[in-house]
């Protein structure tokens, strides 16, 4: 879940004790996301489709 908005295609995401640079579409804080690709030290994300969760 995004703690801060993803703006102009870039942002940061904390996972455990690591802060990752993320890229993807502009999304609001609180949006559930899914990692679609790892590009070096950057994660590519998109909004998670909650209907696909089991």
PDB file of N, CA and C in Angstrom:
ATOM      1  N   UNK A   1       0.850  -1.174   0.000  1.00  0.00           N
ATOM      2  CA  UNK A   1       0.000   0.000   0.000  1.00  0.00           C
ATOM      3  C   UNK A   1       0.900   1.243   0.000  1.00  0.00           C
ATOM      4  N   UNK A   2       0.536   2.207  -0.807  1.00  0.00           N
ATOM      5  CA  UNK A   2       1.329   3.432  -0.889  1.00  0.00           C
ATOM      6  C   UNK A   2       1.122   4.307   0.340  1.00  0.00           C
ATOM      7  N   UNK A   3       2.219   4.704   0.974  1.00  0.00           N
ATOM      8  CA  UNK A   3       2.145   5.637   2.100  1.00  0.00           C
ATOM      9  C   UNK A   3       2.099   7.069   1.601  1.00  0.00           C
ATOM     10  N   UNK A   4       2.733   7.318   0.453  1.00  0.00           N
ATOM     11  CA  UNK A   4       2.761   8.646  -0.168  1.00  0.00           C
ATOM     12  C   UNK A   4       2.340   8.479  -1.624  1.00  0.00           C
ATOM     13  N   UNK A   5       1.767   9.515  -2.225  1.00  0.00           N
ATOM     14  CA  UNK A   5       1.316   9.384  -3.610  1.00  0.00           C
ATOM     15  C   UNK A   5       2.463   9.131  -4.583  1.00  0.00           C
ATOM     16  N   UNK A   6       2.147   8.449  -5.659  1.00  0.00           N
ATOM     17  CA  UNK A   6       3.070   8.260  -6.779  1.00  0.00           C
ATOM     18  C   UNK A   6       2.724   9.361  -7.765  1.00  0.00           C
ATOM     19  N   UNK A   7       3.636  10.308  -7.935  1.00  0.00           N
ATOM     20  CA  UNK A   7       3.357  11.506  -8.717  1.00  0.00           C
ATOM     21  C   UNK A   7       4.368  11.664  -9.844  1.00  0.00           C
ATOM     22  N   UNK A   8       3.887  12.034 -11.014  1.00  0.00           N
ATOM     23  CA  UNK A   8       4.709  12.215 -12.206  1.00  0.00           C
ATOM     24  C   UNK A   8       5.529  10.958 -12.496  1.00  0.00           C
ATOM     25  N   UNK A   9       4.920   9.796 -12.190  1.00  0.00           N
ATOM     26  CA  UNK A   9       5.525   8.509 -12.517  1.00  0.00           C
ATOM     27  C   UNK A   9       6.612   8.032 -11.584  1.00  0.00           C
ATOM     28  N   UNK A  10       6.853   8.736 -10.463  1.00  0.00           N
ATOM     29  CA  UNK A  10       7.937   8.343  -9.568  1.00  0.00           C
ATOM     30  C   UNK A  10       7.534   8.499  -8.110  1.00  0.00           C
ATOM     31  N   UNK A  11       8.152   7.679  -7.260  1.00  0.00           N
ATOM     32  CA  UNK A  11       7.895   7.773  -5.832  1.00  0.00           C
ATOM     33  C   UNK A  11       8.816   6.849  -5.070  1.00  0.00           C
ATOM     34  N   UNK A  12       8.503   6.645  -3.797  1.00  0.00           N
ATOM     35  CA  UNK A  12       9.287   5.767  -2.926  1.00  0.00           C
ATOM     36  C   UNK A  12       8.337   4.872  -2.149  1.00  0.00           C
ATOM     37  N   UNK A  13       8.825   3.692  -1.809  1.00  0.00           N
ATOM     38  CA  UNK A  13       8.030   2.723  -1.070  1.00  0.00           C
ATOM     39  C   UNK A  13       8.916   2.041  -0.045  1.00  0.00           C
ATOM     40  N   UNK A  14       8.488   1.991   1.210  1.00  0.00           N
ATOM     41  CA  UNK A  14       9.224   1.286   2.250  1.00  0.00           C
ATOM     42  C   UNK A  14       8.737  -0.158   2.320  1.00  0.00           C
ATOM     43  N   UNK A  15       9.689  -1.091   2.251  1.00  0.00           N
ATOM     44  CA  UNK A  15       9.400  -2.518   2.401  1.00  0.00           C
ATOM     45  C   UNK A  15      10.358  -3.025   3.465  1.00  0.00           C
ATOM     46  N   UNK A  16       9.808  -3.426   4.595  1.00  0.00           N
ATOM     47  CA  UNK A  16      10.621  -3.810   5.755  1.00  0.00           C
ATOM     48  C   UNK A  16      11.572  -2.661   6.092  1.00  0.00           C
ATOM     49  N   UNK A  17      12.885  -2.883   6.032  1.00  0.00           N
ATOM     50  CA  UNK A  17      13.828  -1.819   6.390  1.00  0.00           C
ATOM     51  C   UNK A  17      14.496  -1.199   5.162  1.00  0.00           C
ATOM     52  N   UNK A  18      13.904  -1.391   3.984  1.00  0.00           N
ATOM     53  CA  UNK A  18      14.472  -0.882   2.735  1.00  0.00           C
ATOM     54  C   UNK A  18      13.513   0.094   2.071  1.00  0.00           C
ATOM     55  N   UNK A  19      14.059   1.202   1.566  1.00  0.00           N
ATOM     56  CA  UNK A  19      13.252   2.163   0.808  1.00  0.00           C
ATOM     57  C   UNK A  19      13.586   1.959  -0.671  1.00  0.00           C
ATOM     58  N   UNK A  20      12.558   1.660  -1.473  1.00  0.00           N
ATOM     59  CA  UNK A  20      12.700   1.431  -2.906  1.00  0.00           C
ATOM     60  C   UNK A  20      12.210   2.637  -3.676  1.00  0.00           C
ATOM     61  N   UNK A  21      12.857   2.928  -4.786  1.00  0.00           N
ATOM     62  CA  UNK A  21      12.335   3.894  -5.750  1.00  0.00           C
ATOM     63  C   UNK A  21      11.325   3.124  -6.587  1.00  0.00           C
ATOM     64  N   UNK A  22      10.184   3.742  -6.847  1.00  0.00           N
ATOM     65  CA  UNK A  22       9.152   3.080  -7.629  1.00  0.00           C
ATOM     66  C   UNK A  22       8.733   3.963  -8.799  1.00  0.00           C
ATOM     67  N   UNK A  23       8.279   3.315  -9.856  1.00  0.00           N
ATOM     68  CA  UNK A  23       7.753   4.023 -11.011  1.00  0.00           C
ATOM     69  C   UNK A  23       6.430   3.377 -11.400  1.00  0.00           C
ATOM     70  N   UNK A  24       5.591   4.159 -12.046  1.00  0.00           N
ATOM     71  CA  UNK A  24       4.297   3.671 -12.491  1.00  0.00           C
ATOM     72  C   UNK A  24       3.355   4.833 -12.701  1.00  0.00           C
ATOM     73  N   UNK A  25       2.080   4.520 -12.887  1.00  0.00           N
ATOM     74  CA  UNK A  25       1.100   5.588 -13.095  1.00  0.00           C
ATOM     75  C   UNK A  25       0.892   6.389 -11.810  1.00  0.00           C
ATOM     76  N   UNK A  26       0.431   7.631 -11.946  1.00  0.00           N
ATOM     77  CA  UNK A  26       0.128   8.441 -10.767  1.00  0.00           C
ATOM     78  C   UNK A  26      -0.964   7.754  -9.953  1.00  0.00           C
ATOM     79  N   UNK A  27      -0.689   7.569  -8.658  1.00  0.00           N
ATOM     80  CA  UNK A  27      -1.626   6.905  -7.757  1.00  0.00           C
ATOM     81  C   UNK A  27      -1.669   7.667  -6.440  1.00  0.00           C
ATOM     82  N   UNK A  28      -2.807   7.632  -5.777  1.00  0.00           N
ATOM     83  CA  UNK A  28      -2.990   8.321  -4.499  1.00  0.00           C
ATOM     84  C   UNK A  28      -2.404   7.513  -3.353  1.00  0.00           C
ATOM     85  N   UNK A  29      -2.035   8.205  -2.282  1.00  0.00           N
ATOM     86  CA  UNK A  29      -1.617   7.528  -1.055  1.00  0.00           C
ATOM     87  C   UNK A  29      -2.751   6.623  -0.601  1.00  0.00           C
ATOM     88  N   UNK A  30      -2.406   5.457  -0.079  1.00  0.00           N
ATOM     89  CA  UNK A  30      -3.404   4.500   0.384  1.00  0.00           C
ATOM     90  C   UNK A  30      -3.840   3.496  -0.675  1.00  0.00           C
ATOM     91  N   UNK A  31      -3.371   3.661  -1.918  1.00  0.00           N
ATOM     92  CA  UNK A  31      -3.713   2.729  -2.991  1.00  0.00           C
ATOM     93  C   UNK A  31      -2.949   1.427  -2.812  1.00  0.00           C
ATOM     94  N   UNK A  32      -3.652   0.297  -2.907  1.00  0.00           N
ATOM     95  CA  UNK A  32      -2.984  -0.998  -2.892  1.00  0.00           C
ATOM     96  C   UNK A  32      -2.310  -1.176  -4.242  1.00  0.00           C
ATOM     97  N   UNK A  33      -1.045  -1.607  -4.199  1.00  0.00           N
ATOM     98  CA  UNK A  33      -0.287  -1.741  -5.435  1.00  0.00           C
ATOM     99  C   UNK A  33       0.259  -3.156  -5.583  1.00  0.00           C
ATOM    100  N   UNK A  34       0.702  -3.436  -6.805  1.00  0.00           N
ATOM    101  CA  UNK A  34       1.338  -4.713  -7.131  1.00  0.00           C
ATOM    102  C   UNK A  34       2.624  -4.388  -7.892  1.00  0.00           C
ATOM    103  N   UNK A  35       3.691  -5.099  -7.564  1.00  0.00           N
ATOM    104  CA  UNK A  35       4.952  -4.946  -8.286  1.00  0.00           C
ATOM    105  C   UNK A  35       4.853  -5.787  -9.550  1.00  0.00           C
ATOM    106  N   UNK A  36       5.061  -5.163 -10.702  1.00  0.00           N
ATOM    107  CA  UNK A  36       4.971  -5.873 -11.975  1.00  0.00           C
ATOM    108  C   UNK A  36       6.334  -6.172 -12.575  1.00  0.00           C
ATOM    109  N   UNK A  37       7.363  -5.467 -12.106  1.00  0.00           N
ATOM    110  CA  UNK A  37       8.701  -5.633 -12.691  1.00  0.00           C
ATOM    111  C   UNK A  37       9.738  -5.084 -11.725  1.00  0.00           C
ATOM    112  N   UNK A  38      10.904  -5.671 -11.745  1.00  0.00           N
ATOM    113  CA  UNK A  38      12.054  -5.126 -11.013  1.00  0.00           C
ATOM    114  C   UNK A  38      13.040  -4.674 -12.062  1.00  0.00           C
ATOM    115  N   UNK A  39      13.360  -3.378 -12.049  1.00  0.00           N
ATOM    116  CA  UNK A  39      14.255  -2.779 -13.037  1.00  0.00           C
ATOM    117  C   UNK A  39      15.474  -2.241 -12.300  1.00  0.00           C
ATOM    118  N   UNK A  40      16.482  -3.094 -12.125  1.00  0.00           N
ATOM    119  CA  UNK A  40      17.658  -2.710 -11.348  1.00  0.00           C
ATOM    120  C   UNK A  40      17.268  -2.529  -9.892  1.00  0.00           C
ATOM    121  N   UNK A  41      17.463  -1.323  -9.364  1.00  0.00           N
ATOM    122  CA  UNK A  41      17.108  -1.023  -7.977  1.00  0.00           C
ATOM    123  C   UNK A  41      15.768  -0.298  -7.900  1.00  0.00           C
ATOM    124  N   UNK A  42      14.955  -0.424  -8.939  1.00  0.00           N
ATOM    125  CA  UNK A  42      13.668   0.273  -8.996  1.00  0.00           C
ATOM    126  C   UNK A  42      12.555  -0.754  -9.214  1.00  0.00           C
ATOM    127  N   UNK A  43      11.439  -0.541  -8.528  1.00  0.00           N
ATOM    128  CA  UNK A  43      10.271  -1.398  -8.708  1.00  0.00           C
ATOM    129  C   UNK A  43       9.267  -0.690  -9.605  1.00  0.00           C
ATOM    130  N   UNK A  44       8.712  -1.415 -10.550  1.00  0.00           N
ATOM    131  CA  UNK A  44       7.648  -0.899 -11.403  1.00  0.00           C
ATOM    132  C   UNK A  44       6.343  -1.420 -10.810  1.00  0.00           C
ATOM    133  N   UNK A  45       5.396  -0.511 -10.551  1.00  0.00           N
ATOM    134  CA  UNK A  45       4.169  -0.893  -9.849  1.00  0.00           C
ATOM    135  C   UNK A  45       2.933  -0.458 -10.640  1.00  0.00           C
ATOM    136  N   UNK A  46       1.805  -1.054 -10.266  1.00  0.00           N
ATOM    137  CA  UNK A  46       0.499  -0.669 -10.787  1.00  0.00           C
ATOM    138  C   UNK A  46      -0.503  -0.838  -9.660  1.00  0.00           C
ATOM    139  N   UNK A  47      -1.675  -0.286  -9.839  1.00  0.00           N
ATOM    140  CA  UNK A  47      -2.733  -0.470  -8.845  1.00  0.00           C
ATOM    141  C   UNK A  47      -3.135  -1.931  -8.836  1.00  0.00           C
ATOM    142  N   UNK A  48      -3.307  -2.503  -7.640  1.00  0.00           N
ATOM    143  CA  UNK A  48      -3.711  -3.906  -7.518  1.00  0.00           C
ATOM    144  C   UNK A  48      -5.199  -4.019  -7.795  1.00  0.00           C
ATOM    145  N   UNK A  49      -5.575  -5.027  -8.535  1.00  0.00           N
ATOM    146  CA  UNK A  49      -6.976  -5.318  -8.793  1.00  0.00           C
ATOM    147  C   UNK A  49      -7.499  -6.147  -7.634  1.00  0.00           C
ATOM    148  N   UNK A  50      -8.234  -5.516  -6.735  1.00  0.00           N
ATOM    149  CA  UNK A  50      -8.683  -6.200  -5.520  1.00  0.00           C
ATOM    150  C   UNK A  50      -9.622  -7.355  -5.825  1.00  0.00           C
ATOM    151  N   UNK A  51     -10.294  -7.360  -6.971  1.00  0.00           N
ATOM    152  CA  UNK A  51     -11.203  -8.461  -7.290  1.00  0.00           C
ATOM    153  C   UNK A  51     -10.433  -9.720  -7.634  1.00  0.00           C
ATOM    154  N   UNK A  52      -9.126  -9.621  -7.954  1.00  0.00           N
ATOM    155  CA  UNK A  52      -8.334 -10.777  -8.322  1.00  0.00           C
ATOM    156  C   UNK A  52      -7.768 -11.486  -7.093  1.00  0.00           C
ATOM    157  N   UNK A  53      -7.864 -10.866  -5.921  1.00  0.00           N
ATOM    158  CA  UNK A  53      -7.310 -11.474  -4.712  1.00  0.00           C
ATOM    159  C   UNK A  53      -8.210 -12.601  -4.242  1.00  0.00           C
ATOM    160  N   UNK A  54      -7.599 -13.652  -3.701  1.00  0.00           N
ATOM    161  CA  UNK A  54      -8.379 -14.786  -3.192  1.00  0.00           C
ATOM    162  C   UNK A  54      -8.385 -14.788  -1.689  1.00  0.00           C
TER     163      UNK A  54
END
